[in-house]
Amino acid sequence: MNSKLVYIIVAVLLLGGVVFFAQKQAGAPKLKSETAQSLPATTQEESVRENSTYGHVHALISNPQDNSLLLGTHEGLFKSADGGKTFQKVGVKGEVNAMDFMNFAYDQNNKIIYAGGHDLGVVKSTDGGVTWAKTDSGIQGTDIHALAMNPLDTNRLYVFSVGNGVYGTKDGAKSWYRIDDGPANPSVVAFGYMATPSSMDRGMKTDKTTNIGYLWAGTGGGLYSSFACFCGWTKTSGVTDRATIYTLAPDPIDKSSMLAGTKDGIYKTTDEGRNFTKISDIKDIAALNFNTSNPKTIYAATADGAIYRSDDEGKNWSKVNE
């Protein structure tokens, strides 16, 4: 009987120790931030840097109609007439249900700016970003996190609707059709269209058409691409595969080249996404855009509103605003 009593006491003590240790761990303070490597593949790493005027900056585009810059932010649309030194809020008009502009695409042939964003759906403007009209018939949902245009055929655009997948249009956004669910990582935050013939295009003998190339998707867990046939998504190892890719900017001249913006800097590929090289250590890159009038000039915006400019295709950068 004594030996049984001893076993029971030991068991109770051991169980009490396990419970105490578990409670202590549960009550332990958590780290304030996590590195991208420790985040789950489906988690979007949000920047903590904000601007008192803009909140988060999401998107940037140069408007060749008046050589201005448009900044898409959490607090609305802002415009610069002095190359990014100063911005003024745009008093937008028309069918705008929300003010969180997250992405832009510019149709140079028809002088149309397209935009998408949180609760904004897809809208377009023909007067430089002042007046907007809804143009998202067929898209389920209004939370548009990514937008891209095929520069070879500006009637073809692609968007990612959160929780609903990838949609495309062939008629300049008059009507949209669903393509697929998108990449395996659901937190898509940027699209970029690289209009160069892919191996699939050459194999299918479609390389002489305008419906060629790759649609790239920046996500909260790396970079993915899909051929123009949309027959599956492939994750690239060219950029850190757990980093959040906040913005993508295909080169309008060199169709095999593209820039990618991350929390840690700007990366560039010149071989259709097989390899990327870090070209800048500017932190918290939220938006990248090639100047439409002079593609050697590139603008970059950080999450808290700092604007940088490069006049040599990204080799050197200088801060534009204070």
C-alpha atoms as a PDB file:
ATOM      1  CA  MET A   1       0.000   0.000   0.000  1.00  0.00           C
ATOM      2  CA  ASN A   2       2.879   2.385   0.877  1.00  0.00           C
ATOM      3  CA  SER A   3       4.493   1.947  -2.536  1.00  0.00           C
ATOM      4  CA  LYS A   4       1.211   2.705  -4.302  1.00  0.00           C
ATOM      5  CA  LEU A   5       0.810   5.845  -2.192  1.00  0.00           C
ATOM      6  CA  VAL A   6       4.306   6.977  -3.190  1.00  0.00           C
ATOM      7  CA  TYR A   7       3.518   6.481  -6.927  1.00  0.00           C
ATOM      8  CA  ILE A   8       0.324   8.519  -6.578  1.00  0.00           C
ATOM      9  CA  ILE A   9       2.139  11.398  -4.837  1.00  0.00           C
ATOM     10  CA  VAL A  10       4.880  11.446  -7.491  1.00  0.00           C
ATOM     11  CA  ALA A  11       2.311  11.460 -10.297  1.00  0.00           C
ATOM     12  CA  VAL A  12       0.418  14.372  -8.709  1.00  0.00           C
ATOM     13  CA  LEU A  13       3.620  16.361  -8.332  1.00  0.00           C
ATOM     14  CA  LEU A  14       4.642  15.764 -11.941  1.00  0.00           C
ATOM     15  CA  LEU A  15       1.206  16.735 -13.251  1.00  0.00           C
ATOM     16  CA  GLY A  16       1.244  19.901 -11.164  1.00  0.00           C
ATOM     17  CA  GLY A  17       4.630  20.838 -12.591  1.00  0.00           C
ATOM     18  CA  VAL A  18       3.432  20.416 -16.176  1.00  0.00           C
ATOM     19  CA  VAL A  19       0.358  22.586 -15.538  1.00  0.00           C
ATOM     20  CA  PHE A  20       2.473  25.275 -13.832  1.00  0.00           C
ATOM     21  CA  PHE A  21       4.964  25.340 -16.726  1.00  0.00           C
ATOM     22  CA  ALA A  22       2.185  25.595 -19.325  1.00  0.00           C
ATOM     23  CA  GLN A  23       0.538  28.465 -17.457  1.00  0.00           C
ATOM     24  CA  LYS A  24       3.848  30.266 -17.172  1.00  0.00           C
ATOM     25  CA  GLN A  25       4.473  29.920 -20.900  1.00  0.00           C
ATOM     26  CA  ALA A  26       0.967  31.113 -21.753  1.00  0.00           C
ATOM     27  CA  GLY A  27       1.470  34.184 -19.590  1.00  0.00           C
ATOM     28  CA  ALA A  28       4.903  34.990 -20.977  1.00  0.00           C
ATOM     29  CA  PRO A  29       5.193  38.280 -22.918  1.00  0.00           C
ATOM     30  CA  LYS A  30       5.118  37.916 -26.702  1.00  0.00           C
ATOM     31  CA  LEU A  31       7.556  39.594 -29.055  1.00  0.00           C
ATOM     32  CA  LYS A  32       6.299  42.898 -30.444  1.00  0.00           C
ATOM     33  CA  SER A  33       7.156  41.931 -34.007  1.00  0.00           C
ATOM     34  CA  GLU A  34       8.034  38.869 -36.040  1.00  0.00           C
ATOM     35  CA  THR A  35      10.434  38.482 -38.907  1.00  0.00           C
ATOM     36  CA  ALA A  36       9.124  37.511 -42.312  1.00  0.00           C
ATOM     37  CA  GLN A  37      10.793  34.112 -41.911  1.00  0.00           C
ATOM     38  CA  SER A  38       8.693  33.331 -38.817  1.00  0.00           C
ATOM     39  CA  LEU A  39       5.374  34.346 -40.337  1.00  0.00           C
ATOM     40  CA  PRO A  40       3.006  31.713 -41.781  1.00  0.00           C
ATOM     41  CA  ALA A  41       3.056  31.594 -45.572  1.00  0.00           C
ATOM     42  CA  THR A  42      -0.506  32.939 -45.738  1.00  0.00           C
ATOM     43  CA  THR A  43       0.093  35.922 -43.450  1.00  0.00           C
ATOM     44  CA  GLN A  44       0.600  39.396 -44.887  1.00  0.00           C
ATOM     45  CA  GLU A  45       3.344  41.302 -43.102  1.00  0.00           C
ATOM     46  CA  GLU A  46       2.013  44.798 -42.494  1.00  0.00           C
ATOM     47  CA  SER A  47       4.309  47.781 -42.216  1.00  0.00           C
ATOM     48  CA  VAL A  48       4.103  49.669 -38.916  1.00  0.00           C
ATOM     49  CA  ARG A  49       5.171  52.976 -40.449  1.00  0.00           C
ATOM     50  CA  GLU A  50       2.403  55.497 -41.120  1.00  0.00           C
ATOM     51  CA  ASN A  51       1.996  59.117 -42.120  1.00  0.00           C
ATOM     52  CA  SER A  52      -0.320  61.432 -40.177  1.00  0.00           C
ATOM     53  CA  THR A  53      -1.837  62.667 -43.440  1.00  0.00           C
ATOM     54  CA  TYR A  54      -1.884  59.540 -45.596  1.00  0.00           C
ATOM     55  CA  GLY A  55      -2.042  56.704 -43.108  1.00  0.00           C
ATOM     56  CA  HIS A  56      -0.545  53.908 -45.210  1.00  0.00           C
ATOM     57  CA  VAL A  57       0.626  54.680 -48.754  1.00  0.00           C
ATOM     58  CA  HIS A  58      -0.412  51.940 -51.163  1.00  0.00           C
ATOM     59  CA  ALA A  59       0.113  53.038 -54.771  1.00  0.00           C
ATOM     60  CA  LEU A  60       1.838  55.573 -57.017  1.00  0.00           C
ATOM     61  CA  ILE A  61       1.409  56.402 -60.699  1.00  0.00           C
ATOM     62  CA  SER A  62       2.726  59.054 -63.078  1.00  0.00           C
ATOM     63  CA  ASN A  63       0.073  60.741 -65.194  1.00  0.00           C
ATOM     64  CA  PRO A  64       1.493  61.826 -68.580  1.00  0.00           C
ATOM     65  CA  GLN A  65      -1.562  63.969 -69.279  1.00  0.00           C
ATOM     66  CA  ASP A  66      -0.198  66.691 -66.995  1.00  0.00           C
ATOM     67  CA  ASN A  67       3.123  65.197 -65.770  1.00  0.00           C
ATOM     68  CA  SER A  68       1.710  64.835 -62.261  1.00  0.00           C
ATOM     69  CA  LEU A  69       2.031  62.039 -59.718  1.00  0.00           C
ATOM     70  CA  LEU A  70      -0.949  60.401 -58.055  1.00  0.00           C
ATOM     71  CA  LEU A  71      -0.542  58.788 -54.652  1.00  0.00           C
ATOM     72  CA  GLY A  72      -3.062  56.190 -53.525  1.00  0.00           C
ATOM     73  CA  THR A  73      -3.370  56.041 -49.751  1.00  0.00           C
ATOM     74  CA  HIS A  74      -5.499  54.780 -46.887  1.00  0.00           C
ATOM     75  CA  GLU A  75      -6.920  58.295 -46.544  1.00  0.00           C
ATOM     76  CA  GLY A  76      -7.690  59.059 -50.173  1.00  0.00           C
ATOM     77  CA  LEU A  77      -6.066  60.233 -53.375  1.00  0.00           C
ATOM     78  CA  PHE A  78      -3.265  62.829 -53.394  1.00  0.00           C
ATOM     79  CA  LYS A  79      -1.682  64.664 -56.335  1.00  0.00           C
ATOM     80  CA  SER A  80       1.736  66.239 -56.879  1.00  0.00           C
ATOM     81  CA  ALA A  81       2.451  68.797 -59.583  1.00  0.00           C
ATOM     82  CA  ASP A  82       6.115  69.241 -58.609  1.00  0.00           C
ATOM     83  CA  GLY A  83       7.561  65.772 -59.098  1.00  0.00           C
ATOM     84  CA  GLY A  84       6.644  64.426 -55.671  1.00  0.00           C
ATOM     85  CA  LYS A  85       7.960  67.249 -53.485  1.00  0.00           C
ATOM     86  CA  THR A  86       4.494  68.163 -52.231  1.00  0.00           C
ATOM     87  CA  PHE A  87       1.065  66.539 -52.497  1.00  0.00           C
ATOM     88  CA  GLN A  88      -2.442  67.942 -52.256  1.00  0.00           C
ATOM     89  CA  LYS A  89      -5.545  65.884 -51.587  1.00  0.00           C
ATOM     90  CA  VAL A  90      -7.776  65.396 -54.617  1.00  0.00           C
ATOM     91  CA  GLY A  91     -11.456  66.208 -54.174  1.00  0.00           C
ATOM     92  CA  VAL A  92     -12.615  63.153 -56.086  1.00  0.00           C
ATOM     93  CA  LYS A  93     -16.015  63.064 -57.752  1.00  0.00           C
ATOM     94  CA  GLY A  94     -18.267  60.415 -59.202  1.00  0.00           C
ATOM     95  CA  GLU A  95     -18.892  56.800 -58.206  1.00  0.00           C
ATOM     96  CA  VAL A  96     -16.429  56.450 -55.338  1.00  0.00           C
ATOM     97  CA  ASN A  97     -17.755  54.404 -52.429  1.00  0.00           C
ATOM     98  CA  ALA A  98     -14.488  54.481 -50.453  1.00  0.00           C
ATOM     99  CA  MET A  99     -11.256  56.468 -50.353  1.00  0.00           C
ATOM    100  CA  ASP A 100      -8.678  53.704 -49.881  1.00  0.00           C
ATOM    101  CA  PHE A 101      -6.923  53.619 -53.283  1.00  0.00           C
ATOM    102  CA  MET A 102      -4.620  50.581 -53.356  1.00  0.00           C
ATOM    103  CA  ASN A 103      -3.526  50.205 -56.986  1.00  0.00           C
ATOM    104  CA  PHE A 104      -3.444  51.891 -60.392  1.00  0.00           C
ATOM    105  CA  ALA A 105      -3.073  50.982 -64.061  1.00  0.00           C
ATOM    106  CA  TYR A 106      -2.788  53.434 -66.946  1.00  0.00           C
ATOM    107  CA  ASP A 107      -4.121  52.876 -70.459  1.00  0.00           C
ATOM    108  CA  GLN A 108      -1.919  55.150 -72.556  1.00  0.00           C
ATOM    109  CA  ASN A 109      -3.863  54.433 -75.750  1.00  0.00           C
ATOM    110  CA  ASN A 110      -7.162  55.679 -74.364  1.00  0.00           C
ATOM    111  CA  LYS A 111      -5.869  58.007 -71.610  1.00  0.00           C
ATOM    112  CA  ILE A 112      -7.672  56.112 -68.848  1.00  0.00           C
ATOM    113  CA  ILE A 113      -6.526  55.619 -65.256  1.00  0.00           C
ATOM    114  CA  TYR A 114      -7.894  52.505 -63.554  1.00  0.00           C
ATOM    115  CA  ALA A 115      -7.867  52.045 -59.787  1.00  0.00           C
ATOM    116  CA  GLY A 116      -8.919  49.518 -57.180  1.00  0.00           C
ATOM    117  CA  GLY A 117      -8.901  49.376 -53.429  1.00  0.00           C
ATOM    118  CA  HIS A 118     -10.583  48.509 -50.126  1.00  0.00           C
ATOM    119  CA  ASP A 119     -14.363  48.642 -50.706  1.00  0.00           C
ATOM    120  CA  LEU A 120     -13.666  50.678 -53.837  1.00  0.00           C
ATOM    121  CA  GLY A 121     -14.160  47.963 -56.428  1.00  0.00           C
ATOM    122  CA  VAL A 122     -12.664  48.907 -59.802  1.00  0.00           C
ATOM    123  CA  VAL A 123     -13.099  52.487 -61.008  1.00  0.00           C
ATOM    124  CA  LYS A 124     -11.742  54.491 -63.941  1.00  0.00           C
ATOM    125  CA  SER A 125     -11.010  58.136 -64.665  1.00  0.00           C
ATOM    126  CA  THR A 126     -10.590  59.985 -67.962  1.00  0.00           C
ATOM    127  CA  ASP A 127      -9.814  63.401 -66.452  1.00  0.00           C
ATOM    128  CA  GLY A 128      -6.578  62.686 -64.622  1.00  0.00           C
ATOM    129  CA  GLY A 129      -8.034  61.217 -61.439  1.00  0.00           C
ATOM    130  CA  VAL A 130     -10.700  63.747 -60.436  1.00  0.00           C
ATOM    131  CA  THR A 131     -13.884  62.059 -61.670  1.00  0.00           C
ATOM    132  CA  TRP A 132     -14.310  58.291 -61.358  1.00  0.00           C
ATOM    133  CA  ALA A 133     -16.845  55.794 -62.669  1.00  0.00           C
ATOM    134  CA  LYS A 134     -17.496  52.217 -61.578  1.00  0.00           C
ATOM    135  CA  THR A 135     -16.291  49.663 -64.112  1.00  0.00           C
ATOM    136  CA  ASP A 136     -16.373  46.282 -62.354  1.00  0.00           C
ATOM    137  CA  SER A 137     -19.436  44.513 -63.719  1.00  0.00           C
ATOM    138  CA  GLY A 138     -18.992  40.770 -63.155  1.00  0.00           C
ATOM    139  CA  ILE A 139     -16.528  41.002 -60.262  1.00  0.00           C
ATOM    140  CA  GLN A 140     -17.637  39.504 -56.973  1.00  0.00           C
ATOM    141  CA  GLY A 141     -16.604  41.633 -54.006  1.00  0.00           C
ATOM    142  CA  THR A 142     -15.313  45.196 -53.760  1.00  0.00           C
ATOM    143  CA  ASP A 143     -11.995  44.666 -51.916  1.00  0.00           C
ATOM    144  CA  ILE A 144      -9.525  44.864 -54.811  1.00  0.00           C
ATOM    145  CA  HIS A 145      -5.967  44.250 -53.620  1.00  0.00           C
ATOM    146  CA  ALA A 146      -4.216  43.956 -56.995  1.00  0.00           C
ATOM    147  CA  LEU A 147      -4.593  45.371 -60.501  1.00  0.00           C
ATOM    148  CA  ALA A 148      -2.514  44.980 -63.666  1.00  0.00           C
ATOM    149  CA  MET A 149      -2.802  45.654 -67.393  1.00  0.00           C
ATOM    150  CA  ASN A 150      -1.348  43.838 -70.387  1.00  0.00           C
ATOM    151  CA  PRO A 151       0.607  46.665 -72.094  1.00  0.00           C
ATOM    152  CA  LEU A 152       0.378  44.901 -75.458  1.00  0.00           C
ATOM    153  CA  ASP A 153      -3.422  44.965 -75.301  1.00  0.00           C
ATOM    154  CA  THR A 154      -4.705  47.588 -72.876  1.00  0.00           C
ATOM    155  CA  ASN A 155      -8.225  46.135 -73.087  1.00  0.00           C
ATOM    156  CA  ARG A 156      -6.920  43.201 -71.021  1.00  0.00           C
ATOM    157  CA  LEU A 157      -6.790  43.889 -67.286  1.00  0.00           C
ATOM    158  CA  TYR A 158      -6.570  41.623 -64.253  1.00  0.00           C
ATOM    159  CA  VAL A 159      -7.594  42.125 -60.635  1.00  0.00           C
ATOM    160  CA  PHE A 160      -7.569  40.164 -57.405  1.00  0.00           C
ATOM    161  CA  SER A 161     -10.769  40.393 -55.368  1.00  0.00           C
ATOM    162  CA  VAL A 162     -10.157  39.309 -51.786  1.00  0.00           C
ATOM    163  CA  GLY A 163     -12.003  36.084 -51.019  1.00  0.00           C
ATOM    164  CA  ASN A 164     -13.181  35.739 -54.616  1.00  0.00           C
ATOM    165  CA  GLY A 165     -10.066  35.205 -56.755  1.00  0.00           C
ATOM    166  CA  VAL A 166      -8.615  36.524 -59.993  1.00  0.00           C
ATOM    167  CA  TYR A 167     -10.803  38.242 -62.596  1.00  0.00           C
ATOM    168  CA  GLY A 168      -9.994  39.375 -66.111  1.00  0.00           C
ATOM    169  CA  THR A 169     -11.460  41.570 -68.809  1.00  0.00           C
ATOM    170  CA  LYS A 170     -10.886  41.631 -72.573  1.00  0.00           C
ATOM    171  CA  ASP A 171     -12.995  44.685 -73.363  1.00  0.00           C
ATOM    172  CA  GLY A 172     -11.446  47.500 -71.367  1.00  0.00           C
ATOM    173  CA  ALA A 173     -13.228  46.717 -68.073  1.00  0.00           C
ATOM    174  CA  LYS A 174     -16.741  46.816 -69.523  1.00  0.00           C
ATOM    175  CA  SER A 175     -17.289  43.241 -68.368  1.00  0.00           C
ATOM    176  CA  TRP A 176     -15.256  40.843 -66.225  1.00  0.00           C
ATOM    177  CA  TYR A 177     -14.982  37.063 -65.962  1.00  0.00           C
ATOM    178  CA  ARG A 178     -13.552  34.904 -63.192  1.00  0.00           C
ATOM    179  CA  ILE A 179     -10.231  33.197 -63.997  1.00  0.00           C
ATOM    180  CA  ASP A 180      -9.204  31.193 -60.921  1.00  0.00           C
ATOM    181  CA  ASP A 181      -8.568  31.315 -57.169  1.00  0.00           C
ATOM    182  CA  GLY A 182      -5.152  32.897 -57.596  1.00  0.00           C
ATOM    183  CA  PRO A 183      -1.897  31.759 -55.977  1.00  0.00           C
ATOM    184  CA  ALA A 184      -1.783  29.247 -53.136  1.00  0.00           C
ATOM    185  CA  ASN A 185      -1.065  32.163 -50.789  1.00  0.00           C
ATOM    186  CA  PRO A 186      -4.370  34.059 -50.511  1.00  0.00           C
ATOM    187  CA  SER A 187      -2.945  37.383 -49.273  1.00  0.00           C
ATOM    188  CA  VAL A 188      -2.285  38.877 -52.725  1.00  0.00           C
ATOM    189  CA  VAL A 189      -1.221  42.528 -52.481  1.00  0.00           C
ATOM    190  CA  ALA A 190       0.167  43.343 -55.936  1.00  0.00           C
ATOM    191  CA  PHE A 191      -0.015  42.328 -59.603  1.00  0.00           C
ATOM    192  CA  GLY A 192       2.439  43.014 -62.397  1.00  0.00           C
ATOM    193  CA  TYR A 193       2.116  41.973 -66.050  1.00  0.00           C
ATOM    194  CA  MET A 194       5.304  41.028 -67.881  1.00  0.00           C
ATOM    195  CA  ALA A 195       4.505  41.088 -71.608  1.00  0.00           C
ATOM    196  CA  THR A 196       7.253  38.892 -73.028  1.00  0.00           C
ATOM    197  CA  PRO A 197       6.751  35.506 -74.761  1.00  0.00           C
ATOM    198  CA  SER A 198       6.988  32.684 -72.233  1.00  0.00           C
ATOM    199  CA  SER A 199       8.023  29.101 -72.873  1.00  0.00           C
ATOM    200  CA  MET A 200       4.328  28.226 -72.848  1.00  0.00           C
ATOM    201  CA  ASP A 201       3.611  30.862 -75.517  1.00  0.00           C
ATOM    202  CA  ARG A 202       6.350  29.497 -77.741  1.00  0.00           C
ATOM    203  CA  GLY A 203       5.191  25.930 -77.222  1.00  0.00           C
ATOM    204  CA  MET A 204       1.586  26.815 -78.053  1.00  0.00           C
ATOM    205  CA  LYS A 205       2.640  28.987 -81.048  1.00  0.00           C
ATOM    206  CA  THR A 206       0.905  32.020 -79.540  1.00  0.00           C
ATOM    207  CA  ASP A 207       4.075  34.074 -79.146  1.00  0.00           C
ATOM    208  CA  LYS A 208       3.144  36.337 -82.080  1.00  0.00           C
ATOM    209  CA  THR A 209      -0.132  37.415 -80.446  1.00  0.00           C
ATOM    210  CA  THR A 210      -0.704  40.079 -77.774  1.00  0.00           C
ATOM    211  CA  ASN A 211      -2.085  37.585 -75.253  1.00  0.00           C
ATOM    212  CA  ILE A 212       1.338  36.468 -74.066  1.00  0.00           C
ATOM    213  CA  GLY A 213       3.565  36.697 -71.025  1.00  0.00           C
ATOM    214  CA  TYR A 214       3.151  36.307 -67.287  1.00  0.00           C
ATOM    215  CA  LEU A 215       0.900  37.723 -64.617  1.00  0.00           C
ATOM    216  CA  TRP A 216       2.962  38.107 -61.452  1.00  0.00           C
ATOM    217  CA  ALA A 217       1.412  38.172 -57.985  1.00  0.00           C
ATOM    218  CA  GLY A 218       3.109  39.633 -54.927  1.00  0.00           C
ATOM    219  CA  THR A 219       1.772  38.026 -51.754  1.00  0.00           C
ATOM    220  CA  GLY A 220       2.353  37.924 -48.021  1.00  0.00           C
ATOM    221  CA  GLY A 221       4.555  34.898 -48.566  1.00  0.00           C
ATOM    222  CA  GLY A 222       6.566  35.449 -51.716  1.00  0.00           C
ATOM    223  CA  LEU A 223       6.189  35.925 -55.453  1.00  0.00           C
ATOM    224  CA  TYR A 224       4.079  33.799 -57.822  1.00  0.00           C
ATOM    225  CA  SER A 225       3.556  33.804 -61.584  1.00  0.00           C
ATOM    226  CA  SER A 226       1.043  32.424 -64.049  1.00  0.00           C
ATOM    227  CA  PHE A 227       1.324  32.078 -67.825  1.00  0.00           C
ATOM    228  CA  ALA A 228      -1.186  33.989 -69.949  1.00  0.00           C
ATOM    229  CA  CYS A 229      -3.082  30.734 -70.414  1.00  0.00           C
ATOM    230  CA  PHE A 230      -3.751  30.714 -66.642  1.00  0.00           C
ATOM    231  CA  CYS A 231      -2.986  27.039 -66.293  1.00  0.00           C
ATOM    232  CA  GLY A 232      -1.592  27.195 -62.764  1.00  0.00           C
ATOM    233  CA  TRP A 233       0.564  29.359 -60.492  1.00  0.00           C
ATOM    234  CA  THR A 234       4.275  28.834 -59.754  1.00  0.00           C
ATOM    235  CA  LYS A 235       6.172  30.218 -56.791  1.00  0.00           C
ATOM    236  CA  THR A 236       9.564  31.735 -57.593  1.00  0.00           C
ATOM    237  CA  SER A 237      12.615  31.390 -55.395  1.00  0.00           C
ATOM    238  CA  GLY A 238      14.207  34.470 -56.953  1.00  0.00           C
ATOM    239  CA  VAL A 239      13.058  36.724 -54.082  1.00  0.00           C
ATOM    240  CA  THR A 240      12.973  35.704 -50.417  1.00  0.00           C
ATOM    241  CA  ASP A 241      10.044  33.324 -50.524  1.00  0.00           C
ATOM    242  CA  ARG A 242       8.564  34.376 -47.178  1.00  0.00           C
ATOM    243  CA  ALA A 243       8.790  38.136 -47.717  1.00  0.00           C
ATOM    244  CA  THR A 244       5.742  40.257 -48.429  1.00  0.00           C
ATOM    245  CA  ILE A 245       5.942  41.654 -51.969  1.00  0.00           C
ATOM    246  CA  TYR A 246       4.099  44.970 -51.646  1.00  0.00           C
ATOM    247  CA  THR A 247       4.497  46.281 -55.189  1.00  0.00           C
ATOM    248  CA  LEU A 248       5.536  45.129 -58.676  1.00  0.00           C
ATOM    249  CA  ALA A 249       6.610  47.344 -61.592  1.00  0.00           C
ATOM    250  CA  PRO A 250       7.349  45.677 -64.946  1.00  0.00           C
ATOM    251  CA  ASP A 251       9.756  47.639 -67.143  1.00  0.00           C
ATOM    252  CA  PRO A 252       7.784  49.187 -70.059  1.00  0.00           C
ATOM    253  CA  ILE A 253      10.797  48.960 -72.390  1.00  0.00           C
ATOM    254  CA  ASP A 254      12.694  45.820 -71.371  1.00  0.00           C
ATOM    255  CA  LYS A 255       9.844  43.326 -71.218  1.00  0.00           C
ATOM    256  CA  SER A 256      12.007  40.744 -69.397  1.00  0.00           C
ATOM    257  CA  SER A 257      12.699  43.133 -66.522  1.00  0.00           C
ATOM    258  CA  MET A 258      10.650  43.989 -63.435  1.00  0.00           C
ATOM    259  CA  LEU A 259      11.055  45.638 -60.026  1.00  0.00           C
ATOM    260  CA  ALA A 260       9.684  44.258 -56.764  1.00  0.00           C
ATOM    261  CA  GLY A 261       9.304  46.288 -53.581  1.00  0.00           C
ATOM    262  CA  THR A 262       9.548  44.763 -50.102  1.00  0.00           C
ATOM    263  CA  LYS A 263       9.983  45.866 -46.499  1.00  0.00           C
ATOM    264  CA  ASP A 264      13.743  45.448 -46.876  1.00  0.00           C
ATOM    265  CA  GLY A 265      14.327  47.132 -50.238  1.00  0.00           C
ATOM    266  CA  ILE A 266      13.902  47.020 -54.011  1.00  0.00           C
ATOM    267  CA  TYR A 267      14.749  43.964 -56.123  1.00  0.00           C
ATOM    268  CA  LYS A 268      15.155  43.696 -59.885  1.00  0.00           C
ATOM    269  CA  THR A 269      14.973  40.868 -62.402  1.00  0.00           C
ATOM    270  CA  THR A 270      16.231  41.050 -65.981  1.00  0.00           C
ATOM    271  CA  ASP A 271      15.591  37.402 -66.909  1.00  0.00           C
ATOM    272  CA  GLU A 272      11.808  37.067 -66.635  1.00  0.00           C
ATOM    273  CA  GLY A 273      11.810  36.461 -62.896  1.00  0.00           C
ATOM    274  CA  ARG A 274      14.285  33.612 -62.663  1.00  0.00           C
ATOM    275  CA  ASN A 275      16.735  35.696 -60.629  1.00  0.00           C
ATOM    276  CA  PHE A 276      16.402  38.908 -58.637  1.00  0.00           C
ATOM    277  CA  THR A 277      19.133  41.281 -57.475  1.00  0.00           C
ATOM    278  CA  LYS A 278      18.701  43.796 -54.659  1.00  0.00           C
ATOM    279  CA  ILE A 279      19.268  47.276 -56.107  1.00  0.00           C
ATOM    280  CA  SER A 280      18.264  49.465 -53.164  1.00  0.00           C
ATOM    281  CA  ASP A 281      18.132  49.284 -49.365  1.00  0.00           C
ATOM    282  CA  ILE A 282      15.293  51.808 -49.059  1.00  0.00           C
ATOM    283  CA  LYS A 283      12.987  50.319 -46.432  1.00  0.00           C
ATOM    284  CA  ASP A 284       9.220  49.771 -46.453  1.00  0.00           C
ATOM    285  CA  ILE A 285       8.691  50.125 -50.194  1.00  0.00           C
ATOM    286  CA  ALA A 286       4.950  50.434 -50.776  1.00  0.00           C
ATOM    287  CA  ALA A 287       4.805  51.531 -54.423  1.00  0.00           C
ATOM    288  CA  LEU A 288       6.991  51.633 -57.552  1.00  0.00           C
ATOM    289  CA  ASN A 289       6.218  53.259 -60.884  1.00  0.00           C
ATOM    290  CA  PHE A 290       8.038  53.891 -64.149  1.00  0.00           C
ATOM    291  CA  ASN A 291       7.553  57.379 -65.567  1.00  0.00           C
ATOM    292  CA  THR A 292       5.401  56.889 -68.653  1.00  0.00           C
ATOM    293  CA  SER A 293       7.045  59.752 -70.567  1.00  0.00           C
ATOM    294  CA  ASN A 294      10.612  58.729 -69.652  1.00  0.00           C
ATOM    295  CA  PRO A 295      10.912  55.069 -68.571  1.00  0.00           C
ATOM    296  CA  LYS A 296      14.481  55.566 -67.338  1.00  0.00           C
ATOM    297  CA  THR A 297      12.940  57.523 -64.473  1.00  0.00           C
ATOM    298  CA  ILE A 298      11.415  55.465 -61.674  1.00  0.00           C
ATOM    299  CA  TYR A 299       9.537  56.652 -58.609  1.00  0.00           C
ATOM    300  CA  ALA A 300       9.326  54.795 -55.300  1.00  0.00           C
ATOM    301  CA  ALA A 301       7.117  55.541 -52.305  1.00  0.00           C
ATOM    302  CA  THR A 302       7.510  54.167 -48.794  1.00  0.00           C
ATOM    303  CA  ALA A 303       4.609  53.193 -46.576  1.00  0.00           C
ATOM    304  CA  ASP A 304       4.854  56.470 -44.644  1.00  0.00           C
ATOM    305  CA  GLY A 305       4.978  58.745 -47.697  1.00  0.00           C
ATOM    306  CA  ALA A 306       8.658  59.307 -48.496  1.00  0.00           C
ATOM    307  CA  ILE A 307       9.139  59.695 -52.272  1.00  0.00           C
ATOM    308  CA  TYR A 308      12.350  58.616 -54.014  1.00  0.00           C
ATOM    309  CA  ARG A 309      13.418  59.044 -57.642  1.00  0.00           C
ATOM    310  CA  SER A 310      15.921  57.306 -59.882  1.00  0.00           C
ATOM    311  CA  ASP A 311      16.931  58.647 -63.297  1.00  0.00           C
ATOM    312  CA  ASP A 312      19.171  55.722 -64.241  1.00  0.00           C
ATOM    313  CA  GLU A 313      16.781  52.750 -64.150  1.00  0.00           C
ATOM    314  CA  GLY A 314      17.198  52.134 -60.441  1.00  0.00           C
ATOM    315  CA  LYS A 315      20.972  52.278 -60.028  1.00  0.00           C
ATOM    316  CA  ASN A 316      20.888  55.420 -57.862  1.00  0.00           C
ATOM    317  CA  TRP A 317      18.079  56.941 -55.825  1.00  0.00           C
ATOM    318  CA  SER A 318      17.505  60.347 -54.237  1.00  0.00           C
ATOM    319  CA  LYS A 319      14.789  61.444 -51.855  1.00  0.00           C
ATOM    320  CA  VAL A 320      12.409  63.972 -53.388  1.00  0.00           C
ATOM    321  CA  ASN A 321      10.319  65.222 -50.465  1.00  0.00           C
ATOM    322  CA  GLU A 322      11.081  66.290 -46.893  1.00  0.00           C
END
